[in-house]
Protein backbone atom coordinates (compact mmCIF):
# COMPACT_ATOMS: atom_id res chain seq x y z
CA UNK A 1 103.79 113.85 114.57
CA UNK A 2 105.25 117.52 114.61
CA UNK A 3 105.50 119.56 111.53
CA UNK A 4 108.40 122.12 111.94
CA UNK A 5 109.69 125.19 109.64
CA UNK A 6 113.58 124.31 109.56
CA UNK A 7 116.29 127.00 109.80
CA UNK A 8 119.19 125.06 111.29
CA UNK A 9 121.55 123.84 108.61
CA UNK A 10 122.00 120.31 110.10
CA UNK A 11 118.31 119.66 110.32
CA UNK A 12 117.90 121.07 106.66
CA UNK A 13 120.61 118.48 105.22
CA UNK A 14 118.58 115.78 107.21
CA UNK A 15 115.38 116.73 105.17
CA UNK A 16 117.43 117.02 101.81
CA UNK A 17 118.65 113.30 102.65
CA UNK A 18 114.85 112.43 103.27
CA UNK A 19 113.91 113.86 99.96
CA UNK A 20 116.77 111.99 98.20
CA UNK A 21 115.75 108.66 99.74
CA UNK A 22 112.05 109.04 98.61
CA UNK A 23 112.32 110.92 95.19
CA UNK A 24 115.39 109.08 94.00
CA UNK A 25 116.06 105.94 95.68
CA UNK A 26 112.49 104.57 96.53
CA UNK A 27 110.28 106.19 93.87
CA UNK A 28 113.01 106.47 91.29
CA UNK A 29 111.38 109.77 89.71
CA UNK A 30 114.39 111.89 89.72
CA UNK A 31 117.71 111.51 88.07
CA UNK A 32 120.74 111.06 90.49
CA UNK A 33 122.61 114.52 90.43
CA UNK A 34 124.11 114.38 93.66
CA UNK A 35 127.81 113.64 92.75
CA UNK A 36 128.14 111.51 95.84
CA UNK A 37 126.41 113.72 98.16
CA UNK A 38 122.91 111.74 98.64
CA UNK A 39 120.90 114.94 99.23
CA UNK A 40 118.06 116.43 96.96
CA UNK A 41 118.48 120.28 96.96
CA UNK A 42 118.42 122.92 94.56
CA UNK A 43 118.76 126.90 94.14
CA UNK A 44 115.14 127.43 95.18
CA UNK A 45 115.59 125.91 98.58
CA UNK A 46 117.30 128.92 99.85
CA UNK A 47 114.42 131.08 99.08
CA UNK A 48 111.92 128.71 100.60
CA UNK A 49 110.44 127.74 103.85
CA UNK A 50 111.20 124.35 104.09
CA UNK A 51 109.08 122.07 106.46
CA UNK A 52 109.82 118.57 107.96
CA UNK A 53 107.48 116.19 109.53
CA UNK A 54 108.97 114.37 112.51
CA UNK A 55 107.67 111.24 114.30
CA UNK A 56 107.83 110.84 117.99
CA UNK A 57 111.22 109.41 117.75
CA UNK A 58 112.55 112.35 115.98
CA UNK A 59 112.98 110.92 112.48
CA UNK A 60 112.27 112.71 109.28
CA UNK A 61 108.99 111.21 108.03
CA UNK A 62 107.79 113.82 105.54
CA UNK A 63 108.51 117.04 103.71
CA UNK A 64 107.37 120.17 102.09
CA UNK A 65 108.56 123.48 100.76
CA UNK A 66 106.72 126.76 100.01
CA UNK A 67 108.63 128.62 97.40
CA UNK A 68 107.88 132.31 97.10
CA UNK A 69 107.79 134.10 93.51
CA UNK A 70 111.14 135.72 93.81
CA UNK A 71 114.21 136.64 91.70
CA UNK A 72 114.41 132.88 90.55
CA UNK A 73 110.68 132.72 89.58
CA UNK A 74 108.97 129.34 90.52
CA UNK A 75 110.21 125.97 90.16
CA UNK A 76 107.47 124.71 87.86
CA UNK A 77 108.51 127.56 85.45
CA UNK A 78 111.21 125.67 84.26
CA UNK A 79 108.99 123.92 82.05
CA UNK A 80 105.62 125.58 82.22
CA UNK A 81 105.02 129.59 81.85
CA UNK A 82 102.67 131.20 84.09
CA UNK A 83 102.76 134.64 82.37
CA UNK A 84 99.09 134.79 81.82
CA UNK A 85 98.07 133.54 85.10
CA UNK A 86 100.66 136.01 86.80
CA UNK A 87 98.72 139.25 86.48
CA UNK A 88 97.82 140.89 89.86
CA UNK A 89 98.77 137.94 91.74
CA UNK A 90 101.42 137.05 94.55
CA UNK A 91 101.93 133.45 93.86
CA UNK A 92 103.65 130.61 96.08
CA UNK A 93 104.62 127.41 94.96
CA UNK A 94 104.26 124.28 97.19
CA UNK A 95 106.80 121.34 96.02
CA UNK A 96 108.60 118.37 97.31
CA UNK A 97 105.58 116.97 99.30
CA UNK A 98 106.73 113.53 100.58
CA UNK A 99 105.97 111.04 103.18
CA UNK A 100 107.60 108.00 104.69
CA UNK A 101 105.79 104.82 103.36
CA UNK A 102 104.55 104.20 107.00
CA UNK A 103 102.86 107.53 107.10
CA UNK A 104 101.23 107.34 103.61
CA UNK A 105 97.30 107.45 103.88
CA UNK A 106 97.46 109.40 107.38
CA UNK A 107 97.15 112.93 107.85
CA UNK A 108 100.83 113.52 107.36
CA UNK A 109 100.30 114.85 103.83
CA UNK A 110 97.41 116.84 104.76
CA UNK A 111 99.21 118.70 107.68
CA UNK A 112 102.30 119.54 105.54
CA UNK A 113 99.94 121.06 102.94
CA UNK A 114 98.17 122.85 106.02
CA UNK A 115 101.69 124.35 106.92
CA UNK A 116 102.31 125.33 103.39
CA UNK A 117 99.35 127.14 103.02
CA UNK A 118 99.57 129.11 106.41
CA UNK A 119 103.21 130.15 105.47
CA UNK A 120 101.97 131.47 101.99
CA UNK A 121 99.13 133.36 103.35
CA UNK A 122 101.48 134.71 106.20
CA UNK A 123 103.63 136.17 103.27
CA UNK A 124 100.55 137.78 101.61
CA UNK A 125 100.06 135.13 98.71
CA UNK A 126 96.79 135.53 96.79
CA UNK A 127 97.30 132.14 95.04
CA UNK A 128 98.94 128.94 95.64
CA UNK A 129 100.25 126.50 92.66
CA UNK A 130 101.75 123.16 92.54
CA UNK A 131 102.42 120.36 90.00
CA UNK A 132 101.26 116.84 90.30
CA UNK A 133 101.79 113.74 88.53
CA UNK A 134 99.15 112.68 85.98
CA UNK A 135 97.89 109.27 87.03
CA UNK A 136 98.81 109.53 90.52
CA UNK A 137 95.15 109.04 91.81
CA UNK A 138 96.12 109.24 95.61
CA UNK A 139 98.02 112.80 95.34
CA UNK A 140 94.77 113.79 93.00
CA UNK A 141 92.28 112.94 95.49
CA UNK A 142 94.25 114.78 98.19
CA UNK A 143 94.63 118.00 96.22
CA UNK A 144 90.97 117.92 95.03
CA UNK A 145 89.90 117.38 98.73
CA UNK A 146 91.97 120.35 99.83
CA UNK A 147 90.39 122.75 97.24
CA UNK A 148 92.91 122.74 94.47
CA UNK A 149 91.82 123.11 90.74
CA UNK A 150 93.47 122.39 87.49
CA UNK A 151 95.37 125.10 85.96
CA UNK A 152 97.11 123.29 82.95
CA UNK A 153 96.63 119.80 81.33
CA UNK A 154 99.63 117.38 81.25
CA UNK A 155 103.02 118.38 80.19
CA UNK A 156 106.43 116.67 80.71
CA UNK A 157 108.72 117.72 83.58
CA UNK A 158 112.44 117.34 82.56
CA UNK A 159 113.63 117.01 86.04
CA UNK A 160 111.78 113.73 86.21
CA UNK A 161 112.85 110.31 84.69
CA UNK A 162 110.82 108.89 81.78
CA UNK A 163 109.40 112.28 80.90
CA UNK A 164 106.68 112.10 83.39
CA UNK A 165 103.60 114.07 82.79
CA UNK A 166 102.51 116.45 85.52
CA UNK A 167 99.85 119.01 85.63
CA UNK A 168 99.77 122.45 87.45
CA UNK A 169 96.93 123.07 89.85
CA UNK A 170 96.00 126.07 91.73
CA UNK A 171 94.36 127.47 94.97
CA UNK A 172 92.71 131.13 94.96
CA UNK A 173 93.26 132.22 98.85
CA UNK A 174 90.57 134.97 98.16
CA UNK A 175 88.27 132.40 97.42
CA UNK A 176 89.00 130.30 100.55
CA UNK A 177 87.95 133.28 102.73
CA UNK A 178 85.16 134.41 100.68
CA UNK A 179 83.23 131.16 100.16
CA UNK A 180 84.62 128.39 102.46
CA UNK A 181 83.23 129.56 105.78
CA UNK A 182 79.78 128.77 104.66
CA UNK A 183 80.34 126.22 101.55
CA UNK A 184 83.17 124.17 103.21
CA UNK A 185 83.25 125.14 106.79
CA UNK A 186 85.15 122.02 108.08
CA UNK A 187 87.93 122.44 105.32
CA UNK A 188 88.11 126.04 106.08
CA UNK A 189 88.72 125.40 109.80
CA UNK A 190 91.30 122.85 109.03
CA UNK A 191 93.24 125.19 106.65
CA UNK A 192 92.88 128.18 108.75
CA UNK A 193 92.76 127.02 112.32
CA UNK A 194 95.99 126.96 114.85
CA UNK A 195 97.40 123.45 115.19
CA UNK A 196 99.68 122.63 117.93
CA UNK A 197 101.45 120.03 115.80
CA UNK A 198 102.62 122.88 113.50
CA UNK A 199 105.48 125.02 114.44
CA UNK A 200 106.18 128.07 112.06
CA UNK A 201 108.61 129.68 114.31
CA UNK A 202 112.43 129.86 114.07
CA UNK A 203 113.25 127.32 116.80
CA UNK A 204 115.36 124.39 116.02
CA UNK A 205 113.61 121.05 115.21
CA UNK A 206 113.24 118.36 117.97
CA UNK A 207 116.70 116.83 119.09
CA UNK A 208 117.25 113.47 117.34
CA UNK A 209 116.98 110.40 119.39
CA UNK A 210 120.23 108.50 119.05
CA UNK A 211 120.18 105.87 116.37
CA UNK A 212 117.00 107.23 114.55
CA UNK A 213 118.54 108.93 111.71
């Protein structure tokens, strides 16, 4: 597996199509707003660092985006205000975390989260936030293992069908560096260490093998 930060438009379209297959077609979480174009993309993607996970054949098998707190604000603020939490903080939101069915239960999601964390720190973020589905024990366990804590209780997200309840979690990057080297050295090494499987650069993603889209 290789995790790549994408800048090539063709590869971004492949990533957005993967998101559509997972979030709309497979899981049925999000409404179809594609108007015939089967991609999942919104106004935040232009300001985000979009990461794709590729398998050895060049197929997209995972996704994550890191959204800086810019002119649009953050995606989760469309339904949850962060005004009181914002003071003297530089925030990045991680969203669109997904893995193909055959890659669930592997390190794919954790490596994508690691990539997002490292990009956020590189941009000077002091805190990372995300939202997660209430009742999804698999995701809850992953985020807890990675050190995220609850910021809010459940609330409905209008972007999702059935008024799915989500909760906002956060990670204090300063605490990671102050406390984890002694309290959680393994996790600290995972988050902050270099990893040849992660490419944060501006190079193009791996060339796709014919017939593997």
